[in-house]
Amino acid sequence: MEEKNCEICKRQGEKPLCNYHAKAYYNIVKNYEYWKDAYDELSWEEYLMKLIVNPECGTWVKEVAKYLISKKIKRLDI
């Protein structure tokens, strides 16, 4: 299997993201529906911005959110 570098931190792995950033990404996607329900109307970009400024979010979540915003990515194939 070909090794790749994480597009955020450059750690090696099998996917576009390392295990740490991939787990953060899965959590971001999984929790989006909960946030949308809580806020009634919340776009993907608004959600990511809220994660970035939320003091309860961890570093990896914030790094993934910033990456997704900077690349204008809705979903990754990981």
N, C-alpha and C. Protein backbone atom coordinates (compact mmCIF):
# COMPACT_ATOMS: atom_id res chain seq x y z
N MET A 1 0.83 -1.18 0.00
CA MET A 1 0.00 0.00 0.00
C MET A 1 0.89 1.25 0.00
N GLU A 2 0.53 2.20 -0.80
CA GLU A 2 1.33 3.41 -0.93
C GLU A 2 1.12 4.35 0.25
N GLU A 3 2.22 4.79 0.83
CA GLU A 3 2.15 5.74 1.94
C GLU A 3 1.99 7.15 1.40
N LYS A 4 1.19 7.94 2.06
CA LYS A 4 0.98 9.34 1.69
C LYS A 4 1.31 10.19 2.91
N ASN A 5 1.42 11.46 2.69
CA ASN A 5 1.60 12.38 3.80
C ASN A 5 0.28 13.07 4.09
N CYS A 6 -0.01 13.26 5.37
CA CYS A 6 -1.21 13.98 5.78
C CYS A 6 -1.17 15.37 5.15
N GLU A 7 -2.26 15.79 4.57
CA GLU A 7 -2.31 17.09 3.91
C GLU A 7 -2.27 18.25 4.91
N ILE A 8 -2.43 17.95 6.19
CA ILE A 8 -2.41 19.00 7.21
C ILE A 8 -1.08 19.04 7.95
N CYS A 9 -0.63 17.88 8.45
CA CYS A 9 0.58 17.88 9.31
C CYS A 9 1.77 17.15 8.70
N LYS A 10 1.58 16.50 7.57
CA LYS A 10 2.64 15.78 6.85
C LYS A 10 3.06 14.47 7.49
N ARG A 11 2.33 13.97 8.52
CA ARG A 11 2.61 12.63 9.05
C ARG A 11 2.29 11.62 7.96
N GLN A 12 2.97 10.50 7.98
CA GLN A 12 2.70 9.47 6.98
C GLN A 12 1.50 8.63 7.38
N GLY A 13 0.79 8.16 6.36
CA GLY A 13 -0.36 7.31 6.58
C GLY A 13 -0.82 6.71 5.27
N GLU A 14 -1.99 6.10 5.26
CA GLU A 14 -2.51 5.45 4.07
C GLU A 14 -3.56 6.31 3.37
N LYS A 15 -3.97 7.39 3.95
CA LYS A 15 -5.05 8.22 3.44
C LYS A 15 -4.56 9.66 3.28
N PRO A 16 -5.42 10.54 2.78
CA PRO A 16 -5.00 11.94 2.65
C PRO A 16 -4.74 12.61 4.01
N LEU A 17 -5.29 12.02 5.08
CA LEU A 17 -5.08 12.56 6.43
C LEU A 17 -4.47 11.48 7.32
N CYS A 18 -3.67 11.90 8.29
CA CYS A 18 -3.13 10.96 9.27
C CYS A 18 -4.27 10.44 10.14
N ASN A 19 -3.99 9.46 10.96
CA ASN A 19 -5.03 8.88 11.81
C ASN A 19 -5.66 9.92 12.74
N TYR A 20 -4.87 10.84 13.25
CA TYR A 20 -5.38 11.86 14.18
C TYR A 20 -6.35 12.81 13.48
N HIS A 21 -5.93 13.33 12.34
CA HIS A 21 -6.79 14.26 11.61
C HIS A 21 -7.98 13.55 10.97
N ALA A 22 -7.82 12.28 10.58
CA ALA A 22 -8.94 11.51 10.04
C ALA A 22 -10.01 11.30 11.10
N LYS A 23 -9.60 10.98 12.32
CA LYS A 23 -10.56 10.81 13.42
C LYS A 23 -11.28 12.13 13.70
N ALA A 24 -10.55 13.23 13.70
CA ALA A 24 -11.17 14.54 13.90
C ALA A 24 -12.17 14.82 12.78
N TYR A 25 -11.79 14.48 11.54
CA TYR A 25 -12.70 14.69 10.41
C TYR A 25 -13.98 13.88 10.57
N TYR A 26 -13.85 12.60 10.92
CA TYR A 26 -15.03 11.76 11.14
C TYR A 26 -15.94 12.36 12.20
N ASN A 27 -15.37 12.87 13.28
CA ASN A 27 -16.17 13.48 14.34
C ASN A 27 -16.85 14.76 13.85
N ILE A 28 -16.16 15.54 13.05
CA ILE A 28 -16.75 16.76 12.50
C ILE A 28 -17.97 16.41 11.65
N VAL A 29 -17.81 15.45 10.75
CA VAL A 29 -18.91 15.06 9.87
C VAL A 29 -20.07 14.47 10.68
N LYS A 30 -19.74 13.58 11.61
CA LYS A 30 -20.75 12.91 12.42
C LYS A 30 -21.59 13.91 13.22
N ASN A 31 -20.96 14.93 13.75
CA ASN A 31 -21.67 15.86 14.63
C ASN A 31 -22.34 17.02 13.91
N TYR A 32 -22.12 17.17 12.63
CA TYR A 32 -22.73 18.27 11.88
C TYR A 32 -24.25 18.26 11.97
N GLU A 33 -24.86 17.10 11.85
CA GLU A 33 -26.34 17.02 11.92
C GLU A 33 -26.86 17.47 13.27
N TYR A 34 -26.16 17.14 14.34
CA TYR A 34 -26.59 17.59 15.67
C TYR A 34 -26.55 19.11 15.76
N TRP A 35 -25.48 19.69 15.26
CA TRP A 35 -25.33 21.15 15.29
C TRP A 35 -26.40 21.81 14.42
N LYS A 36 -26.66 21.23 13.23
CA LYS A 36 -27.68 21.79 12.35
C LYS A 36 -29.04 21.80 13.03
N ASP A 37 -29.37 20.71 13.73
CA ASP A 37 -30.64 20.63 14.45
C ASP A 37 -30.71 21.68 15.56
N ALA A 38 -29.62 21.88 16.26
CA ALA A 38 -29.59 22.83 17.37
C ALA A 38 -29.71 24.27 16.89
N TYR A 39 -29.15 24.57 15.73
CA TYR A 39 -29.14 25.95 15.23
C TYR A 39 -30.21 26.20 14.17
N ASP A 40 -31.06 25.24 13.88
CA ASP A 40 -32.07 25.30 12.82
C ASP A 40 -31.44 25.38 11.44
N GLU A 41 -30.79 26.47 11.13
CA GLU A 41 -30.14 26.65 9.83
C GLU A 41 -28.67 26.90 10.08
N LEU A 42 -27.83 26.02 9.61
CA LEU A 42 -26.39 26.17 9.80
C LEU A 42 -25.68 25.55 8.60
N SER A 43 -25.01 26.37 7.82
CA SER A 43 -24.29 25.85 6.66
C SER A 43 -23.02 25.12 7.13
N TRP A 44 -22.48 24.33 6.24
CA TRP A 44 -21.23 23.60 6.52
C TRP A 44 -20.12 24.57 6.91
N GLU A 45 -19.99 25.67 6.15
CA GLU A 45 -18.94 26.65 6.42
C GLU A 45 -19.16 27.35 7.77
N GLU A 46 -20.40 27.68 8.09
CA GLU A 46 -20.70 28.30 9.39
C GLU A 46 -20.35 27.34 10.52
N TYR A 47 -20.67 26.09 10.33
CA TYR A 47 -20.36 25.06 11.32
C TYR A 47 -18.85 24.97 11.56
N LEU A 48 -18.09 24.93 10.47
CA LEU A 48 -16.64 24.85 10.60
C LEU A 48 -16.08 26.07 11.31
N MET A 49 -16.61 27.24 11.02
CA MET A 49 -16.16 28.47 11.69
C MET A 49 -16.46 28.41 13.19
N LYS A 50 -17.61 27.88 13.54
CA LYS A 50 -17.95 27.75 14.97
C LYS A 50 -17.00 26.79 15.68
N LEU A 51 -16.61 25.73 14.99
CA LEU A 51 -15.66 24.79 15.59
C LEU A 51 -14.31 25.46 15.84
N ILE A 52 -13.88 26.27 14.90
CA ILE A 52 -12.57 26.92 15.02
C ILE A 52 -12.50 27.84 16.23
N VAL A 53 -13.58 28.55 16.53
CA VAL A 53 -13.55 29.49 17.65
C VAL A 53 -14.04 28.88 18.96
N ASN A 54 -14.52 27.65 18.92
CA ASN A 54 -15.03 26.99 20.12
C ASN A 54 -13.88 26.54 21.02
N PRO A 55 -13.80 27.06 22.25
CA PRO A 55 -12.70 26.69 23.14
C PRO A 55 -12.75 25.22 23.58
N GLU A 56 -13.89 24.56 23.40
CA GLU A 56 -14.02 23.15 23.78
C GLU A 56 -13.48 22.21 22.71
N CYS A 57 -13.26 22.70 21.51
CA CYS A 57 -12.74 21.86 20.42
C CYS A 57 -11.24 21.71 20.53
N GLY A 58 -10.77 20.54 20.17
CA GLY A 58 -9.35 20.25 20.23
C GLY A 58 -8.59 20.79 19.03
N THR A 59 -7.30 20.73 19.14
CA THR A 59 -6.41 21.24 18.10
C THR A 59 -6.63 20.55 16.78
N TRP A 60 -6.75 19.21 16.77
CA TRP A 60 -6.89 18.49 15.50
C TRP A 60 -8.20 18.86 14.81
N VAL A 61 -9.28 19.01 15.57
CA VAL A 61 -10.56 19.42 14.99
C VAL A 61 -10.42 20.80 14.36
N LYS A 62 -9.79 21.71 15.07
CA LYS A 62 -9.62 23.07 14.54
C LYS A 62 -8.75 23.06 13.29
N GLU A 63 -7.70 22.25 13.29
CA GLU A 63 -6.83 22.18 12.11
C GLU A 63 -7.58 21.63 10.91
N VAL A 64 -8.39 20.60 11.12
CA VAL A 64 -9.17 20.04 10.02
C VAL A 64 -10.20 21.05 9.53
N ALA A 65 -10.87 21.73 10.44
CA ALA A 65 -11.87 22.73 10.04
C ALA A 65 -11.22 23.84 9.22
N LYS A 66 -10.07 24.32 9.64
CA LYS A 66 -9.36 25.36 8.88
C LYS A 66 -8.96 24.84 7.50
N TYR A 67 -8.49 23.61 7.46
CA TYR A 67 -8.08 23.00 6.19
C TYR A 67 -9.28 22.91 5.24
N LEU A 68 -10.41 22.41 5.75
CA LEU A 68 -11.60 22.26 4.91
C LEU A 68 -12.09 23.61 4.38
N ILE A 69 -12.04 24.63 5.21
CA ILE A 69 -12.44 25.97 4.78
C ILE A 69 -11.48 26.50 3.72
N SER A 70 -10.19 26.33 3.97
CA SER A 70 -9.21 26.88 3.04
C SER A 70 -9.28 26.22 1.67
N LYS A 71 -9.66 24.96 1.63
CA LYS A 71 -9.76 24.22 0.37
C LYS A 71 -11.19 24.21 -0.19
N LYS A 72 -12.12 24.82 0.56
CA LYS A 72 -13.54 24.83 0.17
C LYS A 72 -14.05 23.39 -0.06
N ILE A 73 -13.73 22.51 0.88
CA ILE A 73 -14.08 21.09 0.77
C ILE A 73 -15.33 20.80 1.60
N LYS A 74 -16.27 20.13 0.98
CA LYS A 74 -17.49 19.70 1.70
C LYS A 74 -17.26 18.33 2.36
N ARG A 75 -16.73 17.39 1.60
CA ARG A 75 -16.49 16.04 2.11
C ARG A 75 -15.20 15.50 1.52
N LEU A 76 -14.48 14.72 2.30
CA LEU A 76 -13.28 14.04 1.85
C LEU A 76 -13.58 12.58 1.59
N ASP A 77 -12.87 11.98 0.69
CA ASP A 77 -12.98 10.55 0.45
C ASP A 77 -11.89 9.84 1.25
N ILE A 78 -12.19 9.59 2.53
CA ILE A 78 -11.20 8.88 3.38
C ILE A 78 -11.85 7.72 4.08
